Amino acid sequence: MMTNRYLIGLALGLVSAVVFASASTGGLALRFVLFLVTSLPIFLAGLGWGTVASLVAAITGSLAVALLGWKAALMFAASQALPAVILSYLALLSRDVPSATGGPALREWYPAGRLVVWTATMAGIPAALWLLLFGGNLEELKGALSPVIGNIMKAQLPPESAPTETDIKNVTDIVVSLLPAASAIAWMMALIVNLWLAGRIVTASGNFVRPWPDLAAITYPAATPAALAVATLASFAGGWIGLGASGFAAPLLFAYVLLGLAVIHFVTRGQPWRMFLLWALYTSLFVVNAPLAFPIALLGLAEPVFHFRARAAARPPPPKP
C-alpha cells in the first residue's frame, strides 16, 4: 500500500510539473487554463492517497521543474506544490469530540472556512516572492517589465496610435502597483478551484474519507478581520513593503467576497426565486467584477456582527406552492 502511494505521488508530481512547464507556452487562454490546473494532481494525491503521496508529488514536481531553473522550481514549490500539500493535510485533519448526549464520540473535521483563510494567506507568499525574484528594487522591476509592456502595447495598437515612452512608463507603473494583488488573487482562485475539484473527483471515486462540508455555512477565525485591516493599512506604505502587503490584503478581501457569496447562498435557501437571483448575481459579478465584489465583501464582513444566516435559519419555511 505504501509503495502504491509513492508511485502515485511520483506519477502525479510529474504530471503537475509538465502542466506547469506547458503553462509558459501557447495562447493566453491556454496558459491560464494550464496554470489553473497545475496543482490539481498534487491535490488528488493528497486527498485520495494521503499526505505521504502529496509530499512525494510535490518533491517530484519541484525537482522536475528545477530542470527549467531554480527560480522556476522555487516558484512552483511556493505557489503550487507546498500549498497543495498543506491544504490537503488540513482538509483531512480531524479529531474525536465527546457527544453531548453521552453517546459515542463524534468526528470533527477541520473547518472549511479556515481552509479558505489558509489559502488566502498562502497566496500572498508567492506574490511577495515573485517581487523579490524579479528585481532587486522597484526601478529594476519596472525596467524589466517596461519592454514587455511596450511590445504588447505596440502589437495591440494601430501604427497611428503607437504609444510613446511616457505612455509605456505610465502603464508600467500601474501594472507594477496592481500586479502583486492580482497575482495573489489568481493564485488563491487556482488553489480553491483545484481543492474543490479534487475533492469532487475523489468523492466520486469513493476514496474521500471526509464528508462533504456545507460550504454555505463556512465561518472564519475571529482574528481574520484584524489581519485584513493590518495588511490593508500596510499596503499604503511605499516601495516593496506596500506592494508585498497588497499581495496579502487582496486575497484576504477576496476571502470575504467568498464569505458574502456563502451568506447569499444560505439565506436564499428554499426561496422560489433563488436560482434566478444566483444566476443574475454571478453573471453580474463576472461582467461588473470589482464594483459588485466590494459590497459582497462588506456583506461577508458584516456576517459575524449581524448573523444573517442564523436569522435565516430561524425563520419559518416559505409556504408550499
C-alpha atoms as a PDB file:
ATOM      1  CA  MET A   1       0.000   0.000   0.000  1.00  0.00           C
ATOM      2  CA  MET A   2       2.825   2.415   0.877  1.00  0.00           C
ATOM      3  CA  THR A   3       4.583   1.538  -2.405  1.00  0.00           C
ATOM      4  CA  ASN A   4       1.417   2.432  -4.286  1.00  0.00           C
ATOM      5  CA  ARG A   5       1.321   5.824  -2.563  1.00  0.00           C
ATOM      6  CA  TYR A   6       4.911   6.515  -3.595  1.00  0.00           C
ATOM      7  CA  LEU A   7       4.252   5.511  -7.192  1.00  0.00           C
ATOM      8  CA  ILE A   8       1.031   7.505  -7.382  1.00  0.00           C
ATOM      9  CA  GLY A   9       2.727  10.538  -5.863  1.00  0.00           C
ATOM     10  CA  LEU A  10       5.630  10.206  -8.288  1.00  0.00           C
ATOM     11  CA  ALA A  11       3.334   9.984 -11.315  1.00  0.00           C
ATOM     12  CA  LEU A  12       1.071  12.843 -10.257  1.00  0.00           C
ATOM     13  CA  GLY A  13       4.062  15.049  -9.393  1.00  0.00           C
ATOM     14  CA  LEU A  14       5.447  14.570 -12.902  1.00  0.00           C
ATOM     15  CA  VAL A  15       2.049  15.416 -14.382  1.00  0.00           C
ATOM     16  CA  SER A  16       1.911  18.628 -12.339  1.00  0.00           C
ATOM     17  CA  ALA A  17       5.430  19.591 -13.464  1.00  0.00           C
ATOM     18  CA  VAL A  18       4.565  19.010 -17.136  1.00  0.00           C
ATOM     19  CA  VAL A  19       1.421  21.134 -16.811  1.00  0.00           C
ATOM     20  CA  PHE A  20       3.405  23.897 -15.088  1.00  0.00           C
ATOM     21  CA  ALA A  21       6.047  23.891 -17.813  1.00  0.00           C
ATOM     22  CA  SER A  22       3.397  23.865 -20.537  1.00  0.00           C
ATOM     23  CA  ALA A  23       1.733  26.939 -18.984  1.00  0.00           C
ATOM     24  CA  SER A  24       4.594  29.065 -20.354  1.00  0.00           C
ATOM     25  CA  THR A  25       3.759  28.260 -23.984  1.00  0.00           C
ATOM     26  CA  GLY A  26       0.728  28.624 -26.231  1.00  0.00           C
ATOM     27  CA  GLY A  27      -2.039  31.222 -26.275  1.00  0.00           C
ATOM     28  CA  LEU A  28      -3.086  33.302 -23.306  1.00  0.00           C
ATOM     29  CA  ALA A  29      -6.307  31.350 -22.717  1.00  0.00           C
ATOM     30  CA  LEU A  30      -4.434  28.026 -22.812  1.00  0.00           C
ATOM     31  CA  ARG A  31      -1.799  29.343 -20.410  1.00  0.00           C
ATOM     32  CA  PHE A  32      -4.469  30.453 -17.967  1.00  0.00           C
ATOM     33  CA  VAL A  33      -6.208  27.063 -18.044  1.00  0.00           C
ATOM     34  CA  LEU A  34      -2.932  25.183 -17.571  1.00  0.00           C
ATOM     35  CA  PHE A  35      -1.932  27.485 -14.721  1.00  0.00           C
ATOM     36  CA  LEU A  36      -5.341  26.937 -13.129  1.00  0.00           C
ATOM     37  CA  VAL A  37      -4.982  23.136 -13.014  1.00  0.00           C
ATOM     38  CA  THR A  38      -1.258  22.901 -12.200  1.00  0.00           C
ATOM     39  CA  SER A  39      -1.802  21.934  -8.557  1.00  0.00           C
ATOM     40  CA  LEU A  40      -4.745  19.597  -9.262  1.00  0.00           C
ATOM     41  CA  PRO A  41      -2.590  16.396  -9.484  1.00  0.00           C
ATOM     42  CA  ILE A  42      -0.985  17.170  -6.104  1.00  0.00           C
ATOM     43  CA  PHE A  43      -4.408  17.784  -4.544  1.00  0.00           C
ATOM     44  CA  LEU A  44      -5.608  14.469  -5.972  1.00  0.00           C
ATOM     45  CA  ALA A  45      -2.610  12.720  -4.440  1.00  0.00           C
ATOM     46  CA  GLY A  46      -3.214  14.320  -1.034  1.00  0.00           C
ATOM     47  CA  LEU A  47      -6.988  13.905  -0.808  1.00  0.00           C
ATOM     48  CA  GLY A  48      -7.052  10.457  -2.392  1.00  0.00           C
ATOM     49  CA  TRP A  49      -3.930   8.782  -1.010  1.00  0.00           C
ATOM     50  CA  GLY A  50      -2.817  10.895   1.957  1.00  0.00           C
ATOM     51  CA  THR A  51      -0.092  13.327   2.945  1.00  0.00           C
ATOM     52  CA  VAL A  52       2.753  10.980   2.006  1.00  0.00           C
ATOM     53  CA  ALA A  53       1.556  10.801  -1.602  1.00  0.00           C
ATOM     54  CA  SER A  54       1.139  14.581  -1.809  1.00  0.00           C
ATOM     55  CA  LEU A  55       4.642  15.147  -0.386  1.00  0.00           C
ATOM     56  CA  VAL A  56       6.119  12.757  -2.944  1.00  0.00           C
ATOM     57  CA  ALA A  57       4.189  14.533  -5.698  1.00  0.00           C
ATOM     58  CA  ALA A  58       5.346  17.955  -4.508  1.00  0.00           C
ATOM     59  CA  ILE A  59       9.009  16.950  -4.268  1.00  0.00           C
ATOM     60  CA  THR A  60       8.925  15.121  -7.609  1.00  0.00           C
ATOM     61  CA  GLY A  61       7.266  18.053  -9.352  1.00  0.00           C
ATOM     62  CA  SER A  62       9.688  20.586  -7.857  1.00  0.00           C
ATOM     63  CA  LEU A  63      12.727  18.537  -8.898  1.00  0.00           C
ATOM     64  CA  ALA A  64      11.336  18.144 -12.415  1.00  0.00           C
ATOM     65  CA  VAL A  65      10.646  21.868 -12.729  1.00  0.00           C
ATOM     66  CA  ALA A  66      14.187  22.547 -11.469  1.00  0.00           C
ATOM     67  CA  LEU A  67      15.367  21.455 -14.916  1.00  0.00           C
ATOM     68  CA  LEU A  68      13.958  24.790 -16.117  1.00  0.00           C
ATOM     69  CA  GLY A  69      15.914  26.711 -13.470  1.00  0.00           C
ATOM     70  CA  TRP A  70      15.991  27.160  -9.725  1.00  0.00           C
ATOM     71  CA  LYS A  71      13.728  30.219  -9.822  1.00  0.00           C
ATOM     72  CA  ALA A  72      11.036  28.258 -11.647  1.00  0.00           C
ATOM     73  CA  ALA A  73      11.358  25.407  -9.151  1.00  0.00           C
ATOM     74  CA  LEU A  74      11.122  27.794  -6.204  1.00  0.00           C
ATOM     75  CA  MET A  75       8.045  29.439  -7.671  1.00  0.00           C
ATOM     76  CA  PHE A  76       6.427  26.065  -8.388  1.00  0.00           C
ATOM     77  CA  ALA A  77       7.074  24.893  -4.841  1.00  0.00           C
ATOM     78  CA  ALA A  78       5.818  28.123  -3.228  1.00  0.00           C
ATOM     79  CA  SER A  79       2.747  28.726  -5.407  1.00  0.00           C
ATOM     80  CA  GLN A  80       1.588  25.207  -6.286  1.00  0.00           C
ATOM     81  CA  ALA A  81       3.248  22.289  -4.507  1.00  0.00           C
ATOM     82  CA  LEU A  82       3.577  23.373  -0.869  1.00  0.00           C
ATOM     83  CA  PRO A  83       0.107  24.974  -0.607  1.00  0.00           C
ATOM     84  CA  ALA A  84      -1.472  21.840  -2.106  1.00  0.00           C
ATOM     85  CA  VAL A  85       0.292  19.626   0.441  1.00  0.00           C
ATOM     86  CA  ILE A  86      -0.720  21.822   3.386  1.00  0.00           C
ATOM     87  CA  LEU A  87      -4.332  22.256   2.285  1.00  0.00           C
ATOM     88  CA  SER A  88      -4.725  18.536   1.573  1.00  0.00           C
ATOM     89  CA  TYR A  89      -3.347  17.696   5.004  1.00  0.00           C
ATOM     90  CA  LEU A  90      -5.626  20.201   6.745  1.00  0.00           C
ATOM     91  CA  ALA A  91      -8.679  19.062   4.771  1.00  0.00           C
ATOM     92  CA  LEU A  92      -8.225  15.527   6.119  1.00  0.00           C
ATOM     93  CA  LEU A  93      -7.415  16.650   9.671  1.00  0.00           C
ATOM     94  CA  SER A  94      -9.983  15.531  12.244  1.00  0.00           C
ATOM     95  CA  ARG A  95     -10.458  14.802  15.930  1.00  0.00           C
ATOM     96  CA  ASP A  96     -12.930  12.996  18.162  1.00  0.00           C
ATOM     97  CA  VAL A  97     -15.131  15.190  20.359  1.00  0.00           C
ATOM     98  CA  PRO A  98     -17.398  13.924  23.179  1.00  0.00           C
ATOM     99  CA  SER A  99     -21.065  13.623  22.304  1.00  0.00           C
ATOM    100  CA  ALA A 100     -23.451  15.968  24.134  1.00  0.00           C
ATOM    101  CA  THR A 101     -25.864  13.065  24.681  1.00  0.00           C
ATOM    102  CA  GLY A 102     -23.239  10.774  26.176  1.00  0.00           C
ATOM    103  CA  GLY A 103     -23.103   8.515  23.127  1.00  0.00           C
ATOM    104  CA  PRO A 104     -20.093   7.594  21.006  1.00  0.00           C
ATOM    105  CA  ALA A 105     -17.569  10.333  20.266  1.00  0.00           C
ATOM    106  CA  LEU A 106     -18.243  12.424  17.189  1.00  0.00           C
ATOM    107  CA  ARG A 107     -15.700  13.071  14.449  1.00  0.00           C
ATOM    108  CA  GLU A 108     -14.987  16.786  13.932  1.00  0.00           C
ATOM    109  CA  TRP A 109     -13.231  17.796  10.705  1.00  0.00           C
ATOM    110  CA  TYR A 110     -11.044  20.818  10.071  1.00  0.00           C
ATOM    111  CA  PRO A 111     -13.412  23.715   9.270  1.00  0.00           C
ATOM    112  CA  ALA A 112     -13.761  24.587   5.591  1.00  0.00           C
ATOM    113  CA  GLY A 113     -13.698  28.311   6.392  1.00  0.00           C
ATOM    114  CA  ARG A 114     -10.228  28.012   7.883  1.00  0.00           C
ATOM    115  CA  LEU A 115      -9.077  26.316   4.674  1.00  0.00           C
ATOM    116  CA  VAL A 116     -10.173  29.420   2.762  1.00  0.00           C
ATOM    117  CA  VAL A 117      -8.240  31.703   5.139  1.00  0.00           C
ATOM    118  CA  TRP A 118      -5.151  29.495   4.855  1.00  0.00           C
ATOM    119  CA  THR A 119      -5.459  29.645   1.070  1.00  0.00           C
ATOM    120  CA  ALA A 120      -5.656  33.452   1.142  1.00  0.00           C
ATOM    121  CA  THR A 121      -2.601  33.653   3.395  1.00  0.00           C
ATOM    122  CA  MET A 122      -0.509  31.283   1.300  1.00  0.00           C
ATOM    123  CA  ALA A 123      -1.496  33.072  -1.921  1.00  0.00           C
ATOM    124  CA  GLY A 124       0.290  36.179  -0.700  1.00  0.00           C
ATOM    125  CA  ILE A 125       3.606  34.350  -0.240  1.00  0.00           C
ATOM    126  CA  PRO A 126       4.369  33.623  -3.928  1.00  0.00           C
ATOM    127  CA  ALA A 127       3.241  37.156  -4.828  1.00  0.00           C
ATOM    128  CA  ALA A 128       5.850  38.615  -2.457  1.00  0.00           C
ATOM    129  CA  LEU A 129       8.416  36.024  -3.535  1.00  0.00           C
ATOM    130  CA  TRP A 130       7.829  36.882  -7.184  1.00  0.00           C
ATOM    131  CA  LEU A 131       8.649  40.535  -6.448  1.00  0.00           C
ATOM    132  CA  LEU A 132      11.922  39.555  -4.780  1.00  0.00           C
ATOM    133  CA  LEU A 133      12.943  37.214  -7.608  1.00  0.00           C
ATOM    134  CA  PHE A 134      12.030  39.604 -10.400  1.00  0.00           C
ATOM    135  CA  GLY A 135      14.147  42.532  -9.344  1.00  0.00           C
ATOM    136  CA  GLY A 136      16.297  43.929  -6.571  1.00  0.00           C
ATOM    137  CA  ASN A 137      14.247  47.144  -6.364  1.00  0.00           C
ATOM    138  CA  LEU A 138      11.244  48.822  -7.899  1.00  0.00           C
ATOM    139  CA  GLU A 139      13.221  50.518 -10.639  1.00  0.00           C
ATOM    140  CA  GLU A 140      14.771  47.212 -11.715  1.00  0.00           C
ATOM    141  CA  LEU A 141      11.330  45.625 -11.711  1.00  0.00           C
ATOM    142  CA  LYS A 142       9.866  48.426 -13.818  1.00  0.00           C
ATOM    143  CA  GLY A 143      12.869  48.290 -16.131  1.00  0.00           C
ATOM    144  CA  ALA A 144      12.353  44.566 -16.667  1.00  0.00           C
ATOM    145  CA  LEU A 145       8.626  44.901 -17.303  1.00  0.00           C
ATOM    146  CA  SER A 146       8.701  48.057 -19.427  1.00  0.00           C
ATOM    147  CA  PRO A 147       9.985  46.405 -22.681  1.00  0.00           C
ATOM    148  CA  VAL A 148       7.434  43.584 -22.345  1.00  0.00           C
ATOM    149  CA  ILE A 149       4.555  46.003 -21.784  1.00  0.00           C
ATOM    150  CA  GLY A 150       5.800  48.233 -24.601  1.00  0.00           C
ATOM    151  CA  ASN A 151       5.852  45.328 -27.057  1.00  0.00           C
ATOM    152  CA  ILE A 152       2.322  44.307 -26.055  1.00  0.00           C
ATOM    153  CA  MET A 153       1.015  47.851 -26.463  1.00  0.00           C
ATOM    154  CA  LYS A 154       2.672  48.268 -29.855  1.00  0.00           C
ATOM    155  CA  ALA A 155       1.286  44.940 -31.042  1.00  0.00           C
ATOM    156  CA  GLN A 156      -2.267  45.746 -29.915  1.00  0.00           C
ATOM    157  CA  LEU A 157      -2.492  49.393 -31.030  1.00  0.00           C
ATOM    158  CA  PRO A 158      -2.610  50.606 -34.654  1.00  0.00           C
ATOM    159  CA  PRO A 159       0.557  52.300 -36.034  1.00  0.00           C
ATOM    160  CA  GLU A 160      -1.025  55.762 -35.929  1.00  0.00           C
ATOM    161  CA  SER A 161      -1.692  55.312 -32.198  1.00  0.00           C
ATOM    162  CA  ALA A 162       1.735  53.957 -31.301  1.00  0.00           C
ATOM    163  CA  PRO A 163       2.476  54.503 -27.586  1.00  0.00           C
ATOM    164  CA  THR A 164       5.118  56.972 -26.519  1.00  0.00           C
ATOM    165  CA  GLU A 165       7.754  56.290 -23.894  1.00  0.00           C
ATOM    166  CA  THR A 166       5.669  58.273 -21.426  1.00  0.00           C
ATOM    167  CA  ASP A 167       2.624  56.117 -22.160  1.00  0.00           C
ATOM    168  CA  ILE A 168       4.627  52.933 -21.625  1.00  0.00           C
ATOM    169  CA  LYS A 169       6.075  54.289 -18.385  1.00  0.00           C
ATOM    170  CA  ASN A 170       2.628  55.224 -17.038  1.00  0.00           C
ATOM    171  CA  VAL A 171       1.162  51.827 -17.904  1.00  0.00           C
ATOM    172  CA  THR A 172       4.180  50.079 -16.366  1.00  0.00           C
ATOM    173  CA  ASP A 173       3.694  51.997 -13.110  1.00  0.00           C
ATOM    174  CA  ILE A 174       0.035  50.916 -12.986  1.00  0.00           C
ATOM    175  CA  VAL A 175       0.862  47.272 -13.774  1.00  0.00           C
ATOM    176  CA  VAL A 176       3.555  47.110 -11.082  1.00  0.00           C
ATOM    177  CA  SER A 177       1.209  48.579  -8.473  1.00  0.00           C
ATOM    178  CA  LEU A 178      -1.567  46.085  -9.286  1.00  0.00           C
ATOM    179  CA  LEU A 179       0.499  43.005 -10.069  1.00  0.00           C
ATOM    180  CA  PRO A 180       1.019  41.598  -6.532  1.00  0.00           C
ATOM    181  CA  ALA A 181      -2.681  41.870  -5.648  1.00  0.00           C
ATOM    182  CA  ALA A 182      -3.874  40.497  -8.987  1.00  0.00           C
ATOM    183  CA  SER A 183      -1.417  37.596  -8.982  1.00  0.00           C
ATOM    184  CA  ALA A 184      -2.259  36.706  -5.357  1.00  0.00           C
ATOM    185  CA  ILE A 185      -5.988  36.577  -6.145  1.00  0.00           C
ATOM    186  CA  ALA A 186      -5.253  34.432  -9.214  1.00  0.00           C
ATOM    187  CA  TRP A 187      -3.185  32.003  -7.114  1.00  0.00           C
ATOM    188  CA  MET A 188      -5.900  31.876  -4.463  1.00  0.00           C
ATOM    189  CA  MET A 189      -8.597  31.181  -7.048  1.00  0.00           C
ATOM    190  CA  ALA A 190      -6.484  28.434  -8.606  1.00  0.00           C
ATOM    191  CA  LEU A 191      -5.879  26.751  -5.238  1.00  0.00           C
ATOM    192  CA  ILE A 192      -9.533  26.910  -4.186  1.00  0.00           C
ATOM    193  CA  VAL A 193     -10.800  25.639  -7.537  1.00  0.00           C
ATOM    194  CA  ASN A 194      -8.325  22.763  -7.520  1.00  0.00           C
ATOM    195  CA  LEU A 195      -9.088  21.852  -3.903  1.00  0.00           C
ATOM    196  CA  TRP A 196     -12.818  21.802  -4.668  1.00  0.00           C
ATOM    197  CA  LEU A 197     -12.369  19.912  -7.942  1.00  0.00           C
ATOM    198  CA  ALA A 198     -10.027  17.337  -6.408  1.00  0.00           C
ATOM    199  CA  GLY A 199     -12.486  16.820  -3.556  1.00  0.00           C
ATOM    200  CA  ARG A 200     -15.309  16.217  -6.023  1.00  0.00           C
ATOM    201  CA  ILE A 201     -13.217  13.768  -8.069  1.00  0.00           C
ATOM    202  CA  VAL A 202     -12.057  11.829  -5.006  1.00  0.00           C
ATOM    203  CA  THR A 203     -15.603  11.805  -3.623  1.00  0.00           C
ATOM    204  CA  ALA A 204     -16.930  10.383  -6.899  1.00  0.00           C
ATOM    205  CA  SER A 205     -14.249   7.681  -6.762  1.00  0.00           C
ATOM    206  CA  GLY A 206     -15.237   6.711  -3.221  1.00  0.00           C
ATOM    207  CA  ASN A 207     -11.804   7.473  -1.719  1.00  0.00           C
ATOM    208  CA  PHE A 208     -12.691  10.686   0.128  1.00  0.00           C
ATOM    209  CA  VAL A 209     -12.847   9.887   3.835  1.00  0.00           C
ATOM    210  CA  ARG A 210     -14.244  13.273   4.823  1.00  0.00           C
ATOM    211  CA  PRO A 211     -17.954  14.106   4.458  1.00  0.00           C
ATOM    212  CA  TRP A 212     -18.567  16.993   2.080  1.00  0.00           C
ATOM    213  CA  PRO A 213     -18.849  20.251   4.093  1.00  0.00           C
ATOM    214  CA  ASP A 214     -21.703  22.736   3.900  1.00  0.00           C
ATOM    215  CA  LEU A 215     -19.853  25.494   2.034  1.00  0.00           C
ATOM    216  CA  ALA A 216     -22.679  27.998   2.527  1.00  0.00           C
ATOM    217  CA  ALA A 217     -22.163  27.750   6.305  1.00  0.00           C
ATOM    218  CA  ILE A 218     -18.410  28.492   6.397  1.00  0.00           C
ATOM    219  CA  THR A 219     -17.044  30.803   9.096  1.00  0.00           C
ATOM    220  CA  TYR A 220     -13.650  32.452   9.555  1.00  0.00           C
ATOM    221  CA  PRO A 221     -11.469  32.792  12.661  1.00  0.00           C
ATOM    222  CA  ALA A 222     -12.192  35.856  14.786  1.00  0.00           C
ATOM    223  CA  ALA A 223      -8.777  37.383  14.023  1.00  0.00           C
ATOM    224  CA  THR A 224      -9.284  37.388  10.244  1.00  0.00           C
ATOM    225  CA  PRO A 225     -10.764  40.933  10.028  1.00  0.00           C
ATOM    226  CA  ALA A 226      -7.808  42.254  12.023  1.00  0.00           C
ATOM    227  CA  ALA A 227      -5.379  40.542   9.641  1.00  0.00           C
ATOM    228  CA  LEU A 228      -7.194  42.104   6.696  1.00  0.00           C
ATOM    229  CA  ALA A 229      -7.060  45.539   8.337  1.00  0.00           C
ATOM    230  CA  VAL A 230      -3.325  45.284   9.067  1.00  0.00           C
ATOM    231  CA  ALA A 231      -2.495  44.082   5.551  1.00  0.00           C
ATOM    232  CA  THR A 232      -4.658  46.807   4.017  1.00  0.00           C
ATOM    233  CA  LEU A 233      -3.002  49.549   6.073  1.00  0.00           C
ATOM    234  CA  ALA A 234       0.462  48.203   5.238  1.00  0.00           C
ATOM    235  CA  SER A 235      -0.415  48.199   1.529  1.00  0.00           C
ATOM    236  CA  PHE A 236      -0.490  52.008   1.622  1.00  0.00           C
ATOM    237  CA  ALA A 237       3.192  52.080   2.537  1.00  0.00           C
ATOM    238  CA  GLY A 238       5.598  52.860  -0.251  1.00  0.00           C
ATOM    239  CA  GLY A 239       8.058  50.582  -2.000  1.00  0.00           C
ATOM    240  CA  TRP A 240       8.354  46.843  -1.540  1.00  0.00           C
ATOM    241  CA  ILE A 241       6.510  46.821   1.783  1.00  0.00           C
ATOM    242  CA  GLY A 242       3.361  48.275   0.265  1.00  0.00           C
ATOM    243  CA  LEU A 243       3.476  46.013  -2.766  1.00  0.00           C
ATOM    244  CA  GLY A 244       4.111  42.907  -0.672  1.00  0.00           C
ATOM    245  CA  ALA A 245       1.324  43.803   1.762  1.00  0.00           C
ATOM    246  CA  SER A 246      -1.125  44.271  -1.114  1.00  0.00           C
ATOM    247  CA  GLY A 247      -0.364  40.671  -2.085  1.00  0.00           C
ATOM    248  CA  PHE A 248      -1.810  39.603   1.287  1.00  0.00           C
ATOM    249  CA  ALA A 249      -4.611  42.159   1.558  1.00  0.00           C
ATOM    250  CA  ALA A 250      -6.164  41.313  -1.818  1.00  0.00           C
ATOM    251  CA  PRO A 251      -6.689  37.557  -1.238  1.00  0.00           C
ATOM    252  CA  LEU A 252      -7.976  38.209   2.299  1.00  0.00           C
ATOM    253  CA  LEU A 253     -10.504  40.630   0.843  1.00  0.00           C
ATOM    254  CA  PHE A 254     -11.392  38.054  -1.790  1.00  0.00           C
ATOM    255  CA  ALA A 255     -11.952  35.559   1.027  1.00  0.00           C
ATOM    256  CA  TYR A 256     -14.672  37.867   2.316  1.00  0.00           C
ATOM    257  CA  VAL A 257     -16.181  38.026  -1.149  1.00  0.00           C
ATOM    258  CA  LEU A 258     -16.488  34.247  -0.920  1.00  0.00           C
ATOM    259  CA  LEU A 259     -17.996  34.546   2.561  1.00  0.00           C
ATOM    260  CA  GLY A 260     -20.503  37.090   1.269  1.00  0.00           C
ATOM    261  CA  LEU A 261     -21.491  34.704  -1.517  1.00  0.00           C
ATOM    262  CA  ALA A 262     -21.843  31.927   1.063  1.00  0.00           C
ATOM    263  CA  VAL A 263     -24.222  34.133   3.058  1.00  0.00           C
ATOM    264  CA  ILE A 264     -26.321  34.805  -0.052  1.00  0.00           C
ATOM    265  CA  HIS A 265     -26.451  31.080  -0.844  1.00  0.00           C
ATOM    266  CA  PHE A 266     -27.517  30.285   2.718  1.00  0.00           C
ATOM    267  CA  VAL A 267     -30.197  32.933   3.243  1.00  0.00           C
ATOM    268  CA  THR A 268     -31.866  32.231  -0.129  1.00  0.00           C
ATOM    269  CA  ARG A 269     -32.344  28.513   0.505  1.00  0.00           C
ATOM    270  CA  GLY A 270     -35.900  27.384  -0.060  1.00  0.00           C
ATOM    271  CA  GLN A 271     -36.888  30.543  -1.923  1.00  0.00           C
ATOM    272  CA  PRO A 272     -38.590  30.018  -5.312  1.00  0.00           C
ATOM    273  CA  TRP A 273     -36.589  32.852  -6.897  1.00  0.00           C
ATOM    274  CA  ARG A 274     -33.231  31.559  -5.617  1.00  0.00           C
ATOM    275  CA  MET A 275     -31.837  30.211  -8.902  1.00  0.00           C
ATOM    276  CA  PHE A 276     -32.786  33.358 -10.800  1.00  0.00           C
ATOM    277  CA  LEU A 277     -31.047  35.511  -8.195  1.00  0.00           C
ATOM    278  CA  LEU A 278     -27.885  33.388  -8.155  1.00  0.00           C
ATOM    279  CA  TRP A 279     -27.624  33.298 -11.960  1.00  0.00           C
ATOM    280  CA  ALA A 280     -28.117  37.066 -12.135  1.00  0.00           C
ATOM    281  CA  LEU A 281     -25.608  37.629  -9.322  1.00  0.00           C
ATOM    282  CA  TYR A 282     -22.810  35.519 -10.816  1.00  0.00           C
ATOM    283  CA  THR A 283     -23.400  36.899 -14.311  1.00  0.00           C
ATOM    284  CA  SER A 284     -23.230  40.452 -12.981  1.00  0.00           C
ATOM    285  CA  LEU A 285     -20.160  39.620 -10.901  1.00  0.00           C
ATOM    286  CA  PHE A 286     -18.414  38.235 -13.986  1.00  0.00           C
ATOM    287  CA  VAL A 287     -19.257  41.335 -16.045  1.00  0.00           C
ATOM    288  CA  VAL A 288     -19.021  44.135 -13.479  1.00  0.00           C
ATOM    289  CA  ASN A 289     -16.431  42.499 -11.221  1.00  0.00           C
ATOM    290  CA  ALA A 290     -14.865  44.870  -8.652  1.00  0.00           C
ATOM    291  CA  PRO A 291     -17.787  47.328  -8.154  1.00  0.00           C
ATOM    292  CA  LEU A 292     -20.034  44.395  -7.203  1.00  0.00           C
ATOM    293  CA  ALA A 293     -17.357  42.423  -5.350  1.00  0.00           C
ATOM    294  CA  PHE A 294     -16.835  45.142  -2.725  1.00  0.00           C
ATOM    295  CA  PRO A 295     -20.431  45.197  -1.395  1.00  0.00           C
ATOM    296  CA  ILE A 296     -20.412  41.387  -1.341  1.00  0.00           C
ATOM    297  CA  ALA A 297     -17.187  41.504   0.709  1.00  0.00           C
ATOM    298  CA  LEU A 298     -18.846  44.002   3.072  1.00  0.00           C
ATOM    299  CA  LEU A 299     -21.701  41.528   3.490  1.00  0.00           C
ATOM    300  CA  GLY A 300     -19.158  38.876   4.451  1.00  0.00           C
ATOM    301  CA  LEU A 301     -17.506  41.250   6.919  1.00  0.00           C
ATOM    302  CA  ALA A 302     -20.885  42.113   8.454  1.00  0.00           C
ATOM    303  CA  GLU A 303     -21.993  38.484   8.885  1.00  0.00           C
ATOM    304  CA  PRO A 304     -20.177  37.868  12.242  1.00  0.00           C
ATOM    305  CA  VAL A 305     -21.859  41.005  13.640  1.00  0.00           C
ATOM    306  CA  PHE A 306     -25.422  40.706  12.318  1.00  0.00           C
ATOM    307  CA  HIS A 307     -25.654  36.886  11.944  1.00  0.00           C
ATOM    308  CA  PHE A 308     -27.705  36.894   8.757  1.00  0.00           C
ATOM    309  CA  ARG A 309     -27.508  33.119   8.364  1.00  0.00           C
ATOM    310  CA  ALA A 310     -28.659  32.427  11.923  1.00  0.00           C
ATOM    311  CA  ARG A 311     -31.655  34.686  11.374  1.00  0.00           C
ATOM    312  CA  ALA A 312     -32.452  32.964   8.087  1.00  0.00           C
ATOM    313  CA  ALA A 313     -32.241  29.538   9.751  1.00  0.00           C
ATOM    314  CA  ALA A 314     -34.659  30.645  12.476  1.00  0.00           C
ATOM    315  CA  ARG A 315     -37.361  31.947  10.151  1.00  0.00           C
ATOM    316  CA  PRO A 316     -40.272  29.666   9.191  1.00  0.00           C
ATOM    317  CA  PRO A 317     -40.014  27.907   5.820  1.00  0.00           C
ATOM    318  CA  PRO A 318     -41.833  29.501   2.864  1.00  0.00           C
ATOM    319  CA  PRO A 319     -45.326  28.176   2.109  1.00  0.00           C
ATOM    320  CA  LYS A 320     -45.562  25.357  -0.380  1.00  0.00           C
ATOM    321  CA  PRO A 321     -46.762  26.382  -3.834  1.00  0.00           C
END
